[in-house]
Amino acid sequence: MDSRVQKSINKLEALKQKKLSEKEKIEHELSSINTDLKRLYTFKNEQDKLQTAINDFYQPKNTINNN
């Protein structure tokens, strides 16, 4: 086999491995970001519900004393 062909194969295989490693790192980072986002959205929803409950307590929509 021509040594240039083998050299090209080796070069491309090394590049492929490098790119696969980078892809794996990025996928791990994305997974971590998605986990954090999921937790924050859950926290935000809980906070919104709590704020609504606080608002309803201090400013009820149907006040009994307004007869």
N, C-alpha and C. Protein backbone atom coordinates (compact mmCIF):
# COMPACT_ATOMS: atom_id res chain seq x y z
N MET A 1 0.84 -1.17 0.00
CA MET A 1 0.00 0.00 0.00
C MET A 1 0.89 1.24 0.00
N ASP A 2 0.42 2.24 -0.69
CA ASP A 2 1.14 3.50 -0.77
C ASP A 2 1.17 4.14 0.62
N SER A 3 2.32 4.60 1.03
CA SER A 3 2.47 5.18 2.37
C SER A 3 1.65 6.45 2.54
N ARG A 4 1.40 7.15 1.45
CA ARG A 4 0.59 8.37 1.53
C ARG A 4 -0.86 8.04 1.88
N VAL A 5 -1.34 6.93 1.35
CA VAL A 5 -2.71 6.50 1.65
C VAL A 5 -2.81 6.15 3.13
N GLN A 6 -1.84 5.37 3.62
CA GLN A 6 -1.85 4.98 5.03
C GLN A 6 -1.73 6.21 5.93
N LYS A 7 -0.90 7.14 5.53
CA LYS A 7 -0.73 8.38 6.31
C LYS A 7 -2.03 9.16 6.35
N SER A 8 -2.72 9.23 5.24
CA SER A 8 -4.01 9.92 5.19
C SER A 8 -5.05 9.21 6.05
N ILE A 9 -5.07 7.90 6.01
CA ILE A 9 -5.98 7.11 6.84
C ILE A 9 -5.71 7.39 8.32
N ASN A 10 -4.44 7.33 8.70
CA ASN A 10 -4.07 7.56 10.09
C ASN A 10 -4.46 8.97 10.55
N LYS A 11 -4.23 9.93 9.66
CA LYS A 11 -4.55 11.32 9.99
C LYS A 11 -6.06 11.48 10.19
N LEU A 12 -6.85 10.90 9.30
CA LEU A 12 -8.30 11.01 9.41
C LEU A 12 -8.84 10.24 10.61
N GLU A 13 -8.27 9.10 10.91
CA GLU A 13 -8.69 8.34 12.10
C GLU A 13 -8.41 9.13 13.37
N ALA A 14 -7.26 9.79 13.43
CA ALA A 14 -6.92 10.61 14.60
C ALA A 14 -7.88 11.80 14.71
N LEU A 15 -8.19 12.42 13.59
CA LEU A 15 -9.13 13.54 13.58
C LEU A 15 -10.52 13.07 14.01
N LYS A 16 -10.91 11.91 13.54
CA LYS A 16 -12.21 11.34 13.92
C LYS A 16 -12.28 11.12 15.43
N GLN A 17 -11.24 10.56 16.00
CA GLN A 17 -11.21 10.32 17.45
C GLN A 17 -11.27 11.63 18.22
N LYS A 18 -10.55 12.63 17.74
CA LYS A 18 -10.56 13.94 18.39
C LYS A 18 -11.96 14.53 18.37
N LYS A 19 -12.62 14.46 17.22
CA LYS A 19 -13.97 15.01 17.08
C LYS A 19 -14.97 14.23 17.93
N LEU A 20 -14.83 12.93 18.00
CA LEU A 20 -15.72 12.12 18.84
C LEU A 20 -15.55 12.48 20.31
N SER A 21 -14.32 12.72 20.70
CA SER A 21 -14.05 13.13 22.08
C SER A 21 -14.67 14.49 22.38
N GLU A 22 -14.54 15.42 21.45
CA GLU A 22 -15.14 16.74 21.61
C GLU A 22 -16.66 16.63 21.67
N LYS A 23 -17.23 15.78 20.83
CA LYS A 23 -18.67 15.58 20.80
C LYS A 23 -19.16 15.03 22.14
N GLU A 24 -18.44 14.07 22.68
CA GLU A 24 -18.79 13.48 23.97
C GLU A 24 -18.75 14.53 25.08
N LYS A 25 -17.72 15.39 25.05
CA LYS A 25 -17.60 16.45 26.04
C LYS A 25 -18.78 17.43 25.92
N ILE A 26 -19.13 17.81 24.71
CA ILE A 26 -20.24 18.74 24.49
C ILE A 26 -21.56 18.11 24.93
N GLU A 27 -21.76 16.84 24.62
CA GLU A 27 -22.98 16.16 25.04
C GLU A 27 -23.09 16.10 26.56
N HIS A 28 -21.97 15.90 27.22
CA HIS A 28 -21.96 15.89 28.69
C HIS A 28 -22.32 17.28 29.22
N GLU A 29 -21.74 18.32 28.63
CA GLU A 29 -22.05 19.69 29.05
C GLU A 29 -23.52 20.01 28.82
N LEU A 30 -24.07 19.61 27.67
CA LEU A 30 -25.47 19.85 27.38
C LEU A 30 -26.38 19.12 28.36
N SER A 31 -26.01 17.90 28.71
CA SER A 31 -26.79 17.14 29.68
C SER A 31 -26.81 17.85 31.03
N SER A 32 -25.67 18.36 31.44
CA SER A 32 -25.58 19.08 32.69
C SER A 32 -26.43 20.36 32.65
N ILE A 33 -26.36 21.07 31.55
CA ILE A 33 -27.15 22.29 31.37
C ILE A 33 -28.64 21.96 31.41
N ASN A 34 -29.04 20.90 30.73
CA ASN A 34 -30.45 20.51 30.71
C ASN A 34 -30.94 20.13 32.10
N THR A 35 -30.11 19.46 32.87
CA THR A 35 -30.47 19.10 34.24
C THR A 35 -30.67 20.35 35.08
N ASP A 36 -29.76 21.30 34.96
CA ASP A 36 -29.88 22.55 35.70
C ASP A 36 -31.12 23.33 35.28
N LEU A 37 -31.38 23.37 33.97
CA LEU A 37 -32.57 24.07 33.48
C LEU A 37 -33.85 23.43 34.01
N LYS A 38 -33.89 22.11 34.01
CA LYS A 38 -35.07 21.42 34.50
C LYS A 38 -35.31 21.76 35.97
N ARG A 39 -34.26 21.77 36.78
CA ARG A 39 -34.39 22.12 38.19
C ARG A 39 -34.84 23.56 38.36
N LEU A 40 -34.28 24.47 37.57
CA LEU A 40 -34.65 25.88 37.68
C LEU A 40 -36.09 26.14 37.24
N TYR A 41 -36.53 25.47 36.17
CA TYR A 41 -37.92 25.63 35.73
C TYR A 41 -38.88 25.09 36.79
N THR A 42 -38.54 23.99 37.42
CA THR A 42 -39.36 23.45 38.50
C THR A 42 -39.42 24.43 39.66
N PHE A 43 -38.27 24.97 40.02
CA PHE A 43 -38.21 25.96 41.10
C PHE A 43 -39.03 27.20 40.75
N LYS A 44 -38.93 27.67 39.51
CA LYS A 44 -39.68 28.83 39.06
C LYS A 44 -41.17 28.58 39.15
N ASN A 45 -41.63 27.41 38.72
CA ASN A 45 -43.05 27.08 38.78
C ASN A 45 -43.54 27.04 40.23
N GLU A 46 -42.74 26.46 41.11
CA GLU A 46 -43.11 26.42 42.52
C GLU A 46 -43.17 27.82 43.10
N GLN A 47 -42.22 28.64 42.72
CA GLN A 47 -42.17 30.02 43.20
C GLN A 47 -43.39 30.81 42.69
N ASP A 48 -43.77 30.60 41.43
CA ASP A 48 -44.94 31.27 40.86
C ASP A 48 -46.21 30.86 41.61
N LYS A 49 -46.34 29.57 41.92
CA LYS A 49 -47.51 29.10 42.67
C LYS A 49 -47.54 29.73 44.06
N LEU A 50 -46.40 29.80 44.70
CA LEU A 50 -46.33 30.41 46.02
C LEU A 50 -46.69 31.89 45.96
N GLN A 51 -46.19 32.58 44.96
CA GLN A 51 -46.49 34.01 44.81
C GLN A 51 -47.99 34.20 44.58
N THR A 52 -48.60 33.35 43.78
CA THR A 52 -50.04 33.43 43.54
C THR A 52 -50.81 33.21 44.84
N ALA A 53 -50.38 32.24 45.63
CA ALA A 53 -51.03 31.97 46.91
C ALA A 53 -50.89 33.16 47.85
N ILE A 54 -49.74 33.78 47.88
CA ILE A 54 -49.53 34.97 48.72
C ILE A 54 -50.43 36.11 48.26
N ASN A 55 -50.48 36.33 46.94
CA ASN A 55 -51.34 37.39 46.41
C ASN A 55 -52.81 37.12 46.73
N ASP A 56 -53.24 35.88 46.59
CA ASP A 56 -54.62 35.52 46.89
C ASP A 56 -54.93 35.72 48.37
N PHE A 57 -53.97 35.45 49.22
CA PHE A 57 -54.19 35.62 50.66
C PHE A 57 -54.38 37.09 51.01
N TYR A 58 -53.54 37.95 50.46
CA TYR A 58 -53.59 39.37 50.80
C TYR A 58 -54.63 40.14 49.97
N GLN A 59 -55.00 39.63 48.82
CA GLN A 59 -55.99 40.28 47.98
C GLN A 59 -56.95 39.23 47.43
N PRO A 60 -57.79 38.69 48.26
CA PRO A 60 -58.69 37.63 47.80
C PRO A 60 -59.63 38.16 46.70
N LYS A 61 -59.95 37.30 45.77
CA LYS A 61 -60.80 37.69 44.64
C LYS A 61 -62.26 37.85 45.07
N ASN A 62 -62.72 36.97 45.93
CA ASN A 62 -64.10 37.02 46.43
C ASN A 62 -64.05 37.30 47.92
N THR A 63 -64.11 38.56 48.28
CA THR A 63 -64.05 38.94 49.68
C THR A 63 -65.42 38.78 50.32
N ILE A 64 -65.47 38.11 51.44
CA ILE A 64 -66.71 37.88 52.16
C ILE A 64 -67.25 39.19 52.74
N ASN A 65 -66.40 40.11 53.14
CA ASN A 65 -66.79 41.35 53.78
C ASN A 65 -67.34 42.39 52.81
N ASN A 66 -67.37 42.13 51.53
CA ASN A 66 -67.86 43.10 50.55
C ASN A 66 -69.32 42.86 50.20
N ASN A 67 -70.15 42.51 51.13
CA ASN A 67 -71.56 42.26 50.85
C ASN A 67 -72.30 43.53 50.64
